[in-house]
N, C-alpha and C. Protein backbone atom coordinates (compact mmCIF):
# COMPACT_ATOMS: atom_id res chain seq x y z
N MET A 1 2.08 -1.12 -19.82
CA MET A 1 1.72 0.01 -18.89
C MET A 1 2.62 0.01 -17.69
N ARG A 2 3.15 1.24 -17.37
CA ARG A 2 4.17 1.32 -16.23
C ARG A 2 3.65 2.46 -15.29
N LEU A 3 3.74 2.12 -14.06
CA LEU A 3 3.40 3.00 -12.94
C LEU A 3 4.66 3.73 -12.59
N ARG A 4 5.05 4.75 -13.10
CA ARG A 4 6.25 5.46 -12.89
C ARG A 4 6.02 6.88 -12.86
N LEU A 5 6.23 7.77 -11.86
CA LEU A 5 6.20 9.13 -11.93
C LEU A 5 7.45 9.66 -12.65
N PRO A 6 7.35 10.83 -13.20
CA PRO A 6 8.35 11.41 -14.03
C PRO A 6 9.65 11.64 -13.09
N ASN A 7 10.85 11.50 -13.76
CA ASN A 7 12.15 11.69 -13.05
C ASN A 7 12.12 12.96 -12.22
N ARG A 8 11.66 14.01 -12.82
CA ARG A 8 11.74 15.43 -12.09
C ARG A 8 10.94 15.28 -10.93
N TRP A 9 9.82 14.53 -10.68
CA TRP A 9 9.08 14.53 -9.55
C TRP A 9 10.01 13.61 -8.46
N ALA A 10 10.56 12.63 -8.90
CA ALA A 10 11.29 11.72 -7.96
C ALA A 10 12.62 12.45 -7.50
N ASP A 11 13.16 13.21 -8.43
CA ASP A 11 14.36 14.08 -7.96
C ASP A 11 13.92 15.22 -6.96
N ALA A 12 12.82 15.77 -7.21
CA ALA A 12 12.27 16.88 -6.43
C ALA A 12 11.87 16.35 -4.84
N TYR A 13 11.28 15.26 -4.89
CA TYR A 13 10.72 14.77 -3.57
C TYR A 13 11.72 13.77 -2.83
N LEU A 14 12.54 13.17 -3.52
CA LEU A 14 13.39 11.97 -3.00
C LEU A 14 14.91 12.29 -2.91
N GLY A 15 15.30 13.39 -3.65
CA GLY A 15 16.70 13.61 -3.64
C GLY A 15 17.12 14.75 -2.72
N ARG A 16 16.14 15.34 -2.11
CA ARG A 16 16.48 16.63 -1.17
C ARG A 16 15.97 16.25 0.25
N ALA A 17 16.77 16.69 1.15
CA ALA A 17 16.43 16.37 2.64
C ALA A 17 15.09 16.96 3.07
N PRO A 18 14.77 18.02 2.80
CA PRO A 18 13.44 18.63 3.46
C PRO A 18 12.24 17.96 2.81
N SER A 19 12.19 17.67 1.51
CA SER A 19 11.10 16.96 0.82
C SER A 19 11.02 15.58 1.28
N LEU A 20 12.11 14.92 1.17
CA LEU A 20 12.11 13.59 1.72
C LEU A 20 11.74 13.24 3.08
N THR A 21 12.21 14.13 4.11
CA THR A 21 11.83 14.10 5.50
C THR A 21 10.38 14.42 5.65
N TRP A 22 9.78 15.47 4.86
CA TRP A 22 8.42 15.63 4.90
C TRP A 22 7.64 14.45 4.50
N LEU A 23 8.00 13.75 3.57
CA LEU A 23 7.28 12.58 2.91
C LEU A 23 7.44 11.51 4.17
N LEU A 24 8.39 11.32 4.65
CA LEU A 24 8.59 10.35 5.77
C LEU A 24 7.70 10.64 6.95
N VAL A 25 7.68 11.81 7.35
CA VAL A 25 6.96 12.27 8.55
C VAL A 25 5.48 12.12 8.11
N VAL A 26 4.87 12.56 6.95
CA VAL A 26 3.58 12.22 6.61
C VAL A 26 3.32 10.84 6.51
N ASN A 27 4.05 10.05 6.01
CA ASN A 27 3.80 8.55 6.07
C ASN A 27 3.76 8.01 7.42
N ALA A 28 4.64 8.31 8.34
CA ALA A 28 4.60 7.88 9.63
C ALA A 28 3.44 8.21 10.32
N THR A 29 2.97 9.55 10.15
CA THR A 29 1.83 10.02 10.82
C THR A 29 0.54 9.36 10.33
N ALA A 30 0.48 9.09 8.98
CA ALA A 30 -0.67 8.38 8.54
C ALA A 30 -0.68 7.02 8.94
N PHE A 31 0.52 6.43 9.21
CA PHE A 31 0.59 4.96 9.80
C PHE A 31 0.01 5.01 11.21
N LEU A 32 0.35 5.98 11.97
CA LEU A 32 -0.22 5.91 13.36
C LEU A 32 -1.76 6.14 13.30
N VAL A 33 -2.18 7.06 12.34
CA VAL A 33 -3.59 7.33 12.39
C VAL A 33 -4.41 5.95 11.95
N GLY A 34 -3.75 5.26 11.04
CA GLY A 34 -4.37 4.02 10.61
C GLY A 34 -4.40 2.95 11.62
N VAL A 35 -3.41 2.95 12.37
CA VAL A 35 -3.22 1.98 13.53
C VAL A 35 -4.32 2.27 14.64
N ALA A 36 -4.50 3.60 14.86
CA ALA A 36 -5.46 4.06 15.80
C ALA A 36 -6.86 3.77 15.35
N PHE A 37 -7.09 3.73 14.06
CA PHE A 37 -8.42 3.30 13.48
C PHE A 37 -8.74 1.90 13.72
N TYR A 38 -7.75 1.12 13.44
CA TYR A 38 -7.92 -0.37 13.60
C TYR A 38 -7.94 -0.79 15.09
N ALA A 39 -7.32 -0.11 15.95
CA ALA A 39 -7.19 -0.40 17.37
C ALA A 39 -8.46 -0.16 18.18
N VAL A 40 -9.41 0.56 17.58
CA VAL A 40 -10.63 0.95 18.28
C VAL A 40 -11.77 -0.20 17.98
N PRO A 41 -12.23 -0.81 19.00
CA PRO A 41 -13.28 -1.80 18.66
C PRO A 41 -14.45 -1.04 17.95
N ASN A 42 -15.03 -1.77 16.93
CA ASN A 42 -16.29 -1.27 16.33
C ASN A 42 -17.17 -2.48 15.85
N ARG A 43 -18.11 -2.85 16.72
CA ARG A 43 -18.80 -4.02 16.25
C ARG A 43 -19.58 -3.91 14.97
N GLU A 44 -19.82 -2.61 14.64
CA GLU A 44 -20.68 -2.51 13.43
C GLU A 44 -19.85 -2.66 12.14
N PHE A 45 -18.67 -2.14 12.21
CA PHE A 45 -17.76 -2.08 10.94
C PHE A 45 -16.83 -3.23 10.98
N GLY A 46 -16.30 -3.77 12.07
CA GLY A 46 -15.27 -4.80 12.02
C GLY A 46 -14.56 -5.05 13.37
N LEU A 47 -13.51 -5.84 13.41
CA LEU A 47 -12.78 -6.19 14.50
C LEU A 47 -11.84 -5.24 14.95
N ALA A 48 -11.41 -5.17 16.22
CA ALA A 48 -10.33 -4.28 16.69
C ALA A 48 -9.09 -5.18 16.69
N LEU A 49 -7.93 -4.55 16.56
CA LEU A 49 -6.69 -5.31 16.65
C LEU A 49 -6.65 -6.44 17.65
N ALA A 50 -7.10 -6.02 18.96
CA ALA A 50 -7.00 -6.73 20.15
C ALA A 50 -7.87 -8.17 19.89
N GLU A 51 -8.79 -8.09 18.98
CA GLU A 51 -9.60 -9.27 18.65
C GLU A 51 -9.03 -10.13 17.53
N VAL A 52 -7.96 -9.89 16.95
CA VAL A 52 -7.40 -10.50 15.83
C VAL A 52 -6.02 -11.17 16.24
N PRO A 53 -5.74 -12.39 15.86
CA PRO A 53 -4.49 -13.05 16.17
C PRO A 53 -3.29 -12.21 15.76
N THR A 54 -2.27 -12.10 16.57
CA THR A 54 -1.13 -11.18 16.43
C THR A 54 -0.56 -11.33 15.08
N PHE A 55 -0.41 -12.64 14.66
CA PHE A 55 0.33 -12.88 13.29
C PHE A 55 -0.53 -12.38 12.19
N VAL A 56 -1.93 -12.03 12.43
CA VAL A 56 -2.70 -11.53 11.24
C VAL A 56 -2.69 -10.12 11.16
N TYR A 57 -2.05 -9.37 12.18
CA TYR A 57 -2.12 -7.99 12.23
C TYR A 57 -1.74 -7.24 10.82
N PRO A 58 -0.55 -7.62 10.31
CA PRO A 58 -0.06 -6.98 9.03
C PRO A 58 -1.23 -7.19 7.83
N LEU A 59 -1.93 -8.44 7.91
CA LEU A 59 -2.95 -8.82 6.83
C LEU A 59 -4.22 -7.94 7.09
N TYR A 60 -4.58 -7.80 8.50
CA TYR A 60 -5.87 -7.25 8.70
C TYR A 60 -5.71 -5.72 8.55
N ALA A 61 -4.67 -5.18 9.26
CA ALA A 61 -4.46 -3.68 9.03
C ALA A 61 -3.76 -3.38 7.87
N ASP A 62 -4.27 -3.58 6.64
CA ASP A 62 -3.47 -3.59 5.48
C ASP A 62 -2.93 -2.15 5.06
N SER A 63 -3.80 -1.10 5.19
CA SER A 63 -3.44 0.24 4.88
C SER A 63 -2.16 0.55 5.69
N PRO A 64 -2.24 0.33 7.07
CA PRO A 64 -1.01 0.67 7.82
C PRO A 64 0.30 -0.11 7.42
N THR A 65 0.02 -1.27 7.04
CA THR A 65 1.10 -2.23 6.56
C THR A 65 1.77 -1.65 5.34
N ALA A 66 0.88 -1.07 4.50
CA ALA A 66 1.37 -0.47 3.10
C ALA A 66 2.20 0.72 3.50
N LEU A 67 1.74 1.59 4.31
CA LEU A 67 2.43 2.77 4.73
C LEU A 67 3.73 2.39 5.58
N ALA A 68 3.74 1.37 6.36
CA ALA A 68 4.99 0.93 7.03
C ALA A 68 6.05 0.61 6.04
N LEU A 69 5.63 -0.30 5.13
CA LEU A 69 6.54 -0.78 4.09
C LEU A 69 7.09 0.35 3.13
N ALA A 70 6.28 1.30 2.86
CA ALA A 70 6.56 2.47 2.02
C ALA A 70 7.58 3.33 2.84
N THR A 71 7.23 3.54 4.03
CA THR A 71 8.21 4.39 4.86
C THR A 71 9.55 3.67 4.97
N LEU A 72 9.58 2.34 5.23
CA LEU A 72 10.94 1.61 5.17
C LEU A 72 11.61 1.84 3.85
N SER A 73 10.77 1.69 2.75
CA SER A 73 11.47 1.80 1.41
C SER A 73 11.96 3.17 1.19
N LEU A 74 11.22 4.21 1.47
CA LEU A 74 11.69 5.52 1.26
C LEU A 74 12.91 5.78 2.20
N GLY A 75 12.90 5.33 3.50
CA GLY A 75 13.85 5.43 4.35
C GLY A 75 15.23 5.07 3.87
N THR A 76 15.29 4.14 2.89
CA THR A 76 16.57 3.59 2.38
C THR A 76 17.27 4.66 1.46
N LEU A 77 16.50 5.76 1.14
CA LEU A 77 17.11 6.82 0.39
C LEU A 77 17.99 7.81 1.13
N LEU A 78 17.92 7.78 2.59
CA LEU A 78 18.56 8.78 3.51
C LEU A 78 20.02 8.79 3.10
N PRO A 79 20.62 7.66 3.01
CA PRO A 79 22.10 7.77 2.71
C PRO A 79 22.32 8.38 1.35
N ASN A 80 21.33 8.51 0.46
CA ASN A 80 21.50 8.87 -0.88
C ASN A 80 21.26 10.43 -1.12
N LEU A 81 20.97 11.14 -0.08
CA LEU A 81 20.55 12.48 -0.16
C LEU A 81 21.50 13.31 -0.90
N GLY A 82 21.02 14.14 -1.80
CA GLY A 82 21.91 15.03 -2.50
C GLY A 82 22.31 14.44 -3.90
N SER A 83 21.87 13.19 -4.03
CA SER A 83 22.05 12.60 -5.43
C SER A 83 20.76 12.19 -5.95
N SER A 84 20.76 11.88 -7.29
CA SER A 84 19.53 11.41 -8.00
C SER A 84 19.16 10.08 -7.29
N PRO A 85 17.71 9.97 -7.07
CA PRO A 85 17.22 8.72 -6.53
C PRO A 85 17.69 7.42 -7.34
N GLY A 86 17.84 7.66 -8.67
CA GLY A 86 18.27 6.53 -9.55
C GLY A 86 19.65 5.98 -9.24
N ARG A 87 20.39 6.83 -8.41
CA ARG A 87 21.76 6.23 -8.15
C ARG A 87 21.78 5.55 -6.79
N ALA A 88 20.54 5.32 -6.22
CA ALA A 88 20.57 4.68 -4.91
C ALA A 88 20.97 3.23 -5.03
N SER A 89 21.50 2.63 -3.87
CA SER A 89 22.02 1.38 -3.80
C SER A 89 20.87 0.33 -4.17
N GLN A 90 21.26 -0.77 -4.76
CA GLN A 90 20.22 -1.76 -5.10
C GLN A 90 20.83 -3.11 -4.74
N ASN A 91 20.13 -3.95 -4.07
CA ASN A 91 20.57 -5.26 -3.85
C ASN A 91 19.27 -6.15 -3.63
N LEU A 92 19.56 -7.42 -3.30
CA LEU A 92 18.50 -8.33 -3.25
C LEU A 92 17.41 -8.05 -2.15
N PRO A 93 17.86 -7.89 -0.93
CA PRO A 93 16.87 -7.49 0.05
C PRO A 93 16.08 -6.21 -0.20
N LEU A 94 16.75 -5.22 -0.64
CA LEU A 94 16.14 -3.97 -1.06
C LEU A 94 14.99 -4.23 -2.18
N ALA A 95 15.24 -5.06 -3.13
CA ALA A 95 14.37 -5.40 -4.21
C ALA A 95 13.07 -6.00 -3.66
N TYR A 96 13.35 -7.00 -2.58
CA TYR A 96 12.07 -7.40 -1.91
C TYR A 96 11.20 -6.40 -1.29
N LEU A 97 11.95 -5.57 -0.55
CA LEU A 97 11.29 -4.44 0.24
C LEU A 97 10.54 -3.56 -0.73
N HIS A 98 11.28 -2.97 -1.75
CA HIS A 98 10.75 -2.03 -2.66
C HIS A 98 9.34 -2.70 -3.33
N THR A 99 9.54 -3.98 -3.73
CA THR A 99 8.46 -4.63 -4.50
C THR A 99 7.21 -4.78 -3.63
N LEU A 100 7.49 -5.23 -2.39
CA LEU A 100 6.30 -5.50 -1.47
C LEU A 100 5.65 -4.22 -1.15
N ALA A 101 6.53 -3.12 -1.00
CA ALA A 101 5.93 -1.77 -0.78
C ALA A 101 5.04 -1.38 -1.80
N PHE A 102 5.59 -1.44 -2.91
CA PHE A 102 4.77 -0.92 -4.26
C PHE A 102 3.51 -1.72 -4.43
N VAL A 103 3.69 -3.15 -4.19
CA VAL A 103 2.38 -3.93 -4.43
C VAL A 103 1.25 -3.65 -3.29
N TRP A 104 1.80 -3.40 -2.02
CA TRP A 104 0.84 -3.15 -1.00
C TRP A 104 0.07 -1.75 -1.07
N LEU A 105 0.90 -0.87 -1.55
CA LEU A 105 0.31 0.51 -1.77
C LEU A 105 -0.73 0.55 -2.97
N VAL A 106 -0.38 -0.04 -3.96
CA VAL A 106 -1.19 0.00 -5.19
C VAL A 106 -2.49 -0.81 -4.87
N LYS A 107 -2.40 -2.11 -4.25
CA LYS A 107 -3.54 -2.83 -4.08
C LYS A 107 -4.49 -2.23 -3.13
N TYR A 108 -4.05 -1.71 -2.00
CA TYR A 108 -4.96 -1.14 -0.99
C TYR A 108 -5.17 0.26 -1.14
N GLY A 109 -4.58 0.89 -2.03
CA GLY A 109 -4.93 2.19 -2.52
C GLY A 109 -6.24 2.17 -3.36
N VAL A 110 -6.04 1.08 -4.31
CA VAL A 110 -7.25 0.88 -5.27
C VAL A 110 -8.31 0.25 -4.61
N TRP A 111 -8.18 -0.69 -3.77
CA TRP A 111 -9.06 -1.57 -3.04
C TRP A 111 -10.08 -0.59 -2.20
N THR A 112 -9.45 0.28 -1.44
CA THR A 112 -10.17 1.22 -0.56
C THR A 112 -11.20 2.13 -1.38
N VAL A 113 -10.72 2.68 -2.44
CA VAL A 113 -11.44 3.68 -3.21
C VAL A 113 -12.71 2.80 -3.74
N VAL A 114 -12.37 1.61 -4.38
CA VAL A 114 -13.39 0.79 -5.17
C VAL A 114 -14.52 0.36 -4.03
N ALA A 115 -13.94 -0.17 -2.88
CA ALA A 115 -14.93 -0.82 -1.86
C ALA A 115 -15.80 0.30 -1.31
N LEU A 116 -15.33 1.65 -1.17
CA LEU A 116 -16.37 2.60 -0.79
C LEU A 116 -17.32 3.08 -1.82
N LEU A 117 -16.79 3.03 -3.13
CA LEU A 117 -17.61 3.47 -4.24
C LEU A 117 -18.66 2.48 -4.55
N LEU A 118 -18.45 1.13 -4.18
CA LEU A 118 -19.43 0.19 -4.54
C LEU A 118 -20.74 0.39 -3.82
N ARG A 119 -20.62 1.00 -2.62
CA ARG A 119 -21.94 1.28 -1.88
C ARG A 119 -22.03 2.86 -1.42
N PRO A 120 -22.40 3.54 -2.52
CA PRO A 120 -22.35 4.99 -2.28
C PRO A 120 -23.41 5.42 -1.32
N GLU A 121 -24.59 4.64 -1.11
CA GLU A 121 -25.53 5.03 -0.13
C GLU A 121 -24.98 4.95 1.19
N LEU A 122 -23.93 4.19 1.40
CA LEU A 122 -23.38 4.08 2.92
C LEU A 122 -22.24 4.93 2.98
N TYR A 123 -21.56 5.31 2.04
CA TYR A 123 -20.40 6.22 2.17
C TYR A 123 -20.52 7.64 1.63
N VAL A 124 -20.78 7.69 0.26
CA VAL A 124 -20.99 8.97 -0.39
C VAL A 124 -22.08 9.90 0.27
N PHE A 125 -23.24 9.03 0.41
CA PHE A 125 -24.41 9.60 0.89
C PHE A 125 -24.85 9.15 2.26
N GLY A 126 -23.77 8.53 2.94
CA GLY A 126 -24.06 7.93 4.20
C GLY A 126 -24.21 8.84 5.42
N PRO A 127 -24.22 8.27 6.58
CA PRO A 127 -24.37 9.12 7.66
C PRO A 127 -23.21 9.99 8.17
N GLU A 128 -21.90 9.61 7.66
CA GLU A 128 -20.77 10.37 7.97
C GLU A 128 -20.73 11.51 7.15
N PRO A 129 -20.05 12.67 7.54
CA PRO A 129 -19.84 13.91 6.76
C PRO A 129 -19.19 13.52 5.47
N LEU A 130 -19.45 14.17 4.49
CA LEU A 130 -18.98 13.92 3.07
C LEU A 130 -17.40 14.08 3.07
N TRP A 131 -16.93 14.97 3.79
CA TRP A 131 -15.50 15.19 3.92
C TRP A 131 -14.74 14.00 4.23
N ALA A 132 -15.47 13.15 5.15
CA ALA A 132 -14.78 11.94 5.69
C ALA A 132 -14.71 10.92 4.47
N PHE A 133 -15.66 10.92 3.58
CA PHE A 133 -15.44 9.85 2.43
C PHE A 133 -14.36 10.38 1.47
N TRP A 134 -14.40 11.62 1.31
CA TRP A 134 -13.38 12.23 0.37
C TRP A 134 -12.04 12.07 0.98
N GLY A 135 -11.96 12.43 2.37
CA GLY A 135 -10.69 12.16 3.00
C GLY A 135 -10.10 10.83 2.91
N ILE A 136 -10.93 9.86 3.05
CA ILE A 136 -10.40 8.42 2.93
C ILE A 136 -10.12 8.12 1.49
N THR A 137 -10.88 8.52 0.63
CA THR A 137 -10.65 8.12 -0.82
C THR A 137 -9.31 8.86 -1.33
N LEU A 138 -9.36 10.07 -1.04
CA LEU A 138 -8.12 10.83 -1.66
C LEU A 138 -6.82 10.42 -0.97
N THR A 139 -6.81 10.16 0.23
CA THR A 139 -5.49 9.83 0.96
C THR A 139 -5.11 8.44 0.41
N HIS A 140 -6.17 7.45 0.14
CA HIS A 140 -5.76 6.09 -0.42
C HIS A 140 -5.33 6.18 -1.89
N ALA A 141 -5.99 7.08 -2.50
CA ALA A 141 -5.66 7.25 -4.02
C ALA A 141 -4.22 7.71 -4.10
N LEU A 142 -3.71 8.47 -3.14
CA LEU A 142 -2.41 8.88 -3.17
C LEU A 142 -1.31 7.77 -2.80
N PHE A 143 -1.87 6.68 -2.17
CA PHE A 143 -1.13 5.47 -2.07
C PHE A 143 -0.56 5.16 -3.41
N VAL A 144 -1.36 5.07 -4.40
CA VAL A 144 -0.82 4.72 -5.79
C VAL A 144 0.05 5.70 -6.40
N VAL A 145 -0.09 7.02 -6.14
CA VAL A 145 0.75 8.06 -6.65
C VAL A 145 2.16 7.82 -6.02
N GLU A 146 2.17 7.61 -4.70
CA GLU A 146 3.48 7.26 -4.02
C GLU A 146 4.17 6.00 -4.44
N ALA A 147 3.25 5.06 -4.86
CA ALA A 147 3.80 3.81 -5.40
C ALA A 147 4.61 4.01 -6.63
N GLY A 148 4.23 5.03 -7.44
CA GLY A 148 4.85 5.48 -8.70
C GLY A 148 6.21 6.09 -8.47
N LEU A 149 6.62 6.42 -7.26
CA LEU A 149 7.97 6.93 -6.99
C LEU A 149 8.90 5.80 -6.86
N LEU A 150 8.42 4.63 -6.34
CA LEU A 150 9.59 3.55 -5.93
C LEU A 150 10.25 3.09 -7.06
N PRO A 151 9.66 2.82 -8.27
CA PRO A 151 10.49 2.29 -9.37
C PRO A 151 11.54 3.15 -9.86
N ARG A 152 11.48 4.61 -9.40
CA ARG A 152 12.51 5.42 -9.87
C ARG A 152 13.88 5.23 -9.03
N TYR A 153 13.76 4.37 -7.96
CA TYR A 153 15.05 4.16 -7.28
C TYR A 153 15.22 2.69 -6.93
N GLY A 154 14.19 1.83 -7.15
CA GLY A 154 14.22 0.46 -6.77
C GLY A 154 14.29 -0.42 -8.02
N ALA A 155 14.52 -1.83 -7.65
CA ALA A 155 14.40 -2.76 -8.75
C ALA A 155 13.60 -3.97 -8.12
N THR A 156 13.38 -4.95 -9.00
CA THR A 156 12.74 -6.11 -8.61
C THR A 156 13.29 -7.44 -9.09
N THR A 157 12.80 -8.49 -8.66
CA THR A 157 13.35 -9.78 -9.20
C THR A 157 12.12 -10.67 -9.30
N ARG A 158 12.34 -11.91 -9.86
CA ARG A 158 11.36 -12.80 -10.15
C ARG A 158 10.81 -13.31 -8.61
N GLY A 159 11.76 -13.53 -7.84
CA GLY A 159 11.51 -13.95 -6.43
C GLY A 159 10.61 -12.91 -5.64
N ALA A 160 11.02 -11.68 -5.86
CA ALA A 160 10.31 -10.62 -5.08
C ALA A 160 8.85 -10.52 -5.59
N LEU A 161 8.60 -10.74 -6.88
CA LEU A 161 7.29 -10.66 -7.44
C LEU A 161 6.56 -11.86 -7.01
N ALA A 162 7.23 -13.05 -6.91
CA ALA A 162 6.36 -14.24 -6.54
C ALA A 162 6.07 -14.26 -5.11
N LEU A 163 6.90 -13.76 -4.22
CA LEU A 163 6.62 -13.39 -2.81
C LEU A 163 5.55 -12.39 -2.66
N SER A 164 5.61 -11.39 -3.44
CA SER A 164 4.42 -10.44 -3.30
C SER A 164 3.14 -11.02 -3.69
N LEU A 165 3.08 -11.68 -4.74
CA LEU A 165 1.89 -12.44 -5.16
C LEU A 165 1.33 -13.39 -4.07
N VAL A 166 2.32 -14.10 -3.46
CA VAL A 166 1.73 -15.12 -2.45
C VAL A 166 1.30 -14.29 -1.32
N ALA A 167 1.98 -13.22 -0.91
CA ALA A 167 1.51 -12.42 0.23
C ALA A 167 0.07 -11.77 -0.07
N MET A 168 -0.04 -11.28 -1.25
CA MET A 168 -1.41 -10.70 -1.56
C MET A 168 -2.58 -11.75 -1.59
N LEU A 169 -2.20 -12.94 -2.16
CA LEU A 169 -3.33 -13.96 -2.14
C LEU A 169 -3.49 -14.53 -0.68
N ALA A 170 -2.39 -14.54 0.11
CA ALA A 170 -2.64 -15.00 1.54
C ALA A 170 -3.46 -13.96 2.30
N ASN A 171 -3.12 -12.65 1.92
CA ASN A 171 -4.05 -11.54 2.50
C ASN A 171 -5.53 -11.84 2.07
N ASP A 172 -5.78 -12.15 0.83
CA ASP A 172 -7.16 -12.34 0.35
C ASP A 172 -7.79 -13.44 1.18
N ALA A 173 -7.08 -14.55 1.39
CA ALA A 173 -7.61 -15.76 2.02
C ALA A 173 -7.83 -15.25 3.40
N ALA A 174 -6.96 -14.61 4.07
CA ALA A 174 -7.39 -14.07 5.47
C ALA A 174 -8.56 -13.26 5.54
N ASP A 175 -8.69 -12.32 4.53
CA ASP A 175 -9.84 -11.44 4.50
C ASP A 175 -11.26 -12.05 4.22
N TYR A 176 -11.23 -13.08 3.37
CA TYR A 176 -12.65 -13.52 2.89
C TYR A 176 -12.83 -14.93 3.13
N LEU A 177 -11.82 -15.62 3.48
CA LEU A 177 -12.05 -17.02 3.99
C LEU A 177 -12.20 -17.16 5.66
N PHE A 178 -11.42 -16.28 6.21
CA PHE A 178 -11.40 -16.25 7.57
C PHE A 178 -12.03 -15.11 8.31
N GLY A 179 -12.46 -14.17 7.50
CA GLY A 179 -13.26 -12.98 8.00
C GLY A 179 -12.40 -11.76 8.49
N PHE A 180 -11.23 -11.78 8.06
CA PHE A 180 -10.37 -10.61 8.61
C PHE A 180 -10.27 -9.55 7.58
N HIS A 181 -11.18 -9.30 6.87
CA HIS A 181 -11.16 -8.15 5.77
C HIS A 181 -11.31 -6.81 6.64
N PRO A 182 -10.76 -5.72 5.96
CA PRO A 182 -10.90 -4.43 6.64
C PRO A 182 -12.36 -4.11 7.08
N PRO A 183 -12.42 -3.14 8.03
CA PRO A 183 -13.87 -2.81 8.45
C PRO A 183 -14.62 -2.26 7.35
N LEU A 184 -15.79 -2.67 7.20
CA LEU A 184 -16.71 -2.04 6.07
C LEU A 184 -18.15 -1.91 6.63
N ARG A 185 -18.93 -1.08 6.07
CA ARG A 185 -20.41 -0.87 6.50
C ARG A 185 -21.18 -1.96 5.95
N TYR A 186 -20.68 -2.89 5.15
CA TYR A 186 -21.52 -3.96 4.45
C TYR A 186 -20.73 -5.22 4.46
N ASP A 187 -21.46 -6.32 4.12
CA ASP A 187 -20.85 -7.62 3.91
C ASP A 187 -20.26 -7.61 2.46
N PRO A 188 -18.85 -7.77 2.38
CA PRO A 188 -18.19 -7.70 1.17
C PRO A 188 -18.78 -8.62 0.06
N GLY A 189 -19.11 -9.92 0.44
CA GLY A 189 -19.62 -10.78 -0.42
C GLY A 189 -18.69 -11.30 -1.54
N VAL A 190 -19.05 -12.19 -2.49
CA VAL A 190 -18.25 -12.74 -3.39
C VAL A 190 -17.72 -11.74 -4.41
N GLY A 191 -18.64 -10.74 -4.72
CA GLY A 191 -18.14 -9.73 -5.81
C GLY A 191 -16.92 -9.04 -5.23
N LEU A 192 -16.89 -8.61 -4.15
CA LEU A 192 -15.72 -7.67 -3.64
C LEU A 192 -14.54 -8.67 -3.49
N ALA A 193 -14.72 -9.92 -3.06
CA ALA A 193 -13.78 -10.76 -2.89
C ALA A 193 -13.03 -11.13 -4.29
N LEU A 194 -13.78 -11.25 -5.28
CA LEU A 194 -13.16 -11.52 -6.59
C LEU A 194 -12.46 -10.45 -7.18
N LEU A 195 -13.03 -9.24 -6.81
CA LEU A 195 -12.35 -7.94 -7.23
C LEU A 195 -10.96 -7.84 -6.59
N THR A 196 -10.93 -8.19 -5.26
CA THR A 196 -9.78 -8.07 -4.52
C THR A 196 -8.70 -9.00 -5.03
N VAL A 197 -9.06 -10.22 -5.50
CA VAL A 197 -7.99 -11.11 -6.01
C VAL A 197 -7.50 -10.52 -7.36
N GLY A 198 -8.39 -9.77 -8.03
CA GLY A 198 -7.98 -9.25 -9.34
C GLY A 198 -7.06 -8.20 -9.01
N PHE A 199 -7.28 -7.31 -7.92
CA PHE A 199 -6.40 -6.31 -7.54
C PHE A 199 -4.99 -6.77 -7.14
N SER A 200 -5.09 -8.01 -6.49
CA SER A 200 -3.74 -8.66 -6.22
C SER A 200 -2.91 -8.89 -7.36
N VAL A 201 -3.43 -9.59 -8.41
CA VAL A 201 -2.85 -9.84 -9.69
C VAL A 201 -2.35 -8.64 -10.38
N LEU A 202 -3.33 -7.64 -10.44
CA LEU A 202 -3.02 -6.36 -11.08
C LEU A 202 -1.72 -5.72 -10.51
N SER A 203 -1.78 -5.62 -9.07
CA SER A 203 -0.64 -4.79 -8.40
C SER A 203 0.66 -5.51 -8.70
N VAL A 204 0.79 -6.84 -8.69
CA VAL A 204 2.10 -7.52 -9.05
C VAL A 204 2.43 -7.31 -10.47
N TRP A 205 1.43 -7.40 -11.40
CA TRP A 205 1.71 -7.25 -12.81
C TRP A 205 2.28 -5.88 -12.99
N LEU A 206 1.64 -4.84 -12.33
CA LEU A 206 2.21 -3.54 -12.54
C LEU A 206 3.72 -3.34 -11.92
N ALA A 207 3.89 -4.06 -10.84
CA ALA A 207 5.30 -4.04 -10.23
C ALA A 207 6.32 -4.63 -11.16
N ALA A 208 5.84 -5.76 -11.93
CA ALA A 208 6.67 -6.28 -12.91
C ALA A 208 6.95 -5.50 -14.00
N ARG A 209 6.00 -4.77 -14.54
CA ARG A 209 6.09 -3.71 -15.61
C ARG A 209 6.85 -2.59 -15.27
N SER A 210 6.70 -2.13 -13.93
CA SER A 210 7.23 -0.72 -13.54
C SER A 210 8.66 -0.75 -13.07
N PHE A 211 9.20 -1.81 -12.45
CA PHE A 211 10.49 -1.81 -12.00
C PHE A 211 11.44 -2.32 -13.05
N ASP A 212 12.68 -1.86 -13.01
CA ASP A 212 13.78 -2.61 -13.67
C ASP A 212 14.07 -3.88 -12.95
N ARG A 213 14.70 -4.76 -13.62
CA ARG A 213 15.01 -6.05 -13.08
C ARG A 213 16.51 -6.02 -12.49
N LEU A 214 16.77 -6.62 -11.24
CA LEU A 214 18.03 -6.56 -10.63
C LEU A 214 18.70 -7.77 -11.44
N ASP A 215 19.91 -7.40 -11.83
CA ASP A 215 20.79 -8.39 -12.79
C ASP A 215 21.00 -9.73 -12.15
N ASP A 216 21.19 -9.62 -10.84
CA ASP A 216 21.62 -11.02 -10.10
C ASP A 216 20.71 -11.32 -9.17
N GLY A 217 20.56 -12.56 -8.82
CA GLY A 217 19.76 -12.87 -7.56
C GLY A 217 18.36 -13.27 -8.11
N VAL A 218 17.56 -13.81 -7.10
CA VAL A 218 16.19 -14.08 -7.38
C VAL A 218 15.34 -13.32 -6.35
């Protein structure tokens, strides 16, 4: 199983200045919206960023982290404008960046949709307007779609995959062992914790399957 969008999609969105600029602006805007969400204290749903140790910020605000990595990854295509994304430069640091961005996008796109659907009485039929539920789920589902663009211009290595898995499992430990999971209307419990670890492994496996391998380096 590979998570790759068709070449014509990648060429249309990543090879031309207007579409790539639009995608970067949308990502950056979504990142700021996500940071604003996490920055506001909400005792009912979770911690504010000010209540979290600084070094935990990227692990707690996981969706903004995914968007930040994706924006950096897509930004590396700017020198390649006018050419096919498949001709973009590839090297070891970029392989790590593209792999981390892919894994973060897939994991937290899937996690958010599943976490909300597990308790439909709190989200689908909850106190918030229905558009709020669909807005969150659809935007996070698009994380997975965007991840499918990255293998069209990036590559991975064993080291990048190993680091991504370590980062994902460290994130899971921070979430469920130390209580820094994203804000939810319910206690995630063991069930969601186990699912999250499964999503970590799944996202890295998809990265291994979806990216070509860089010939040299680890």
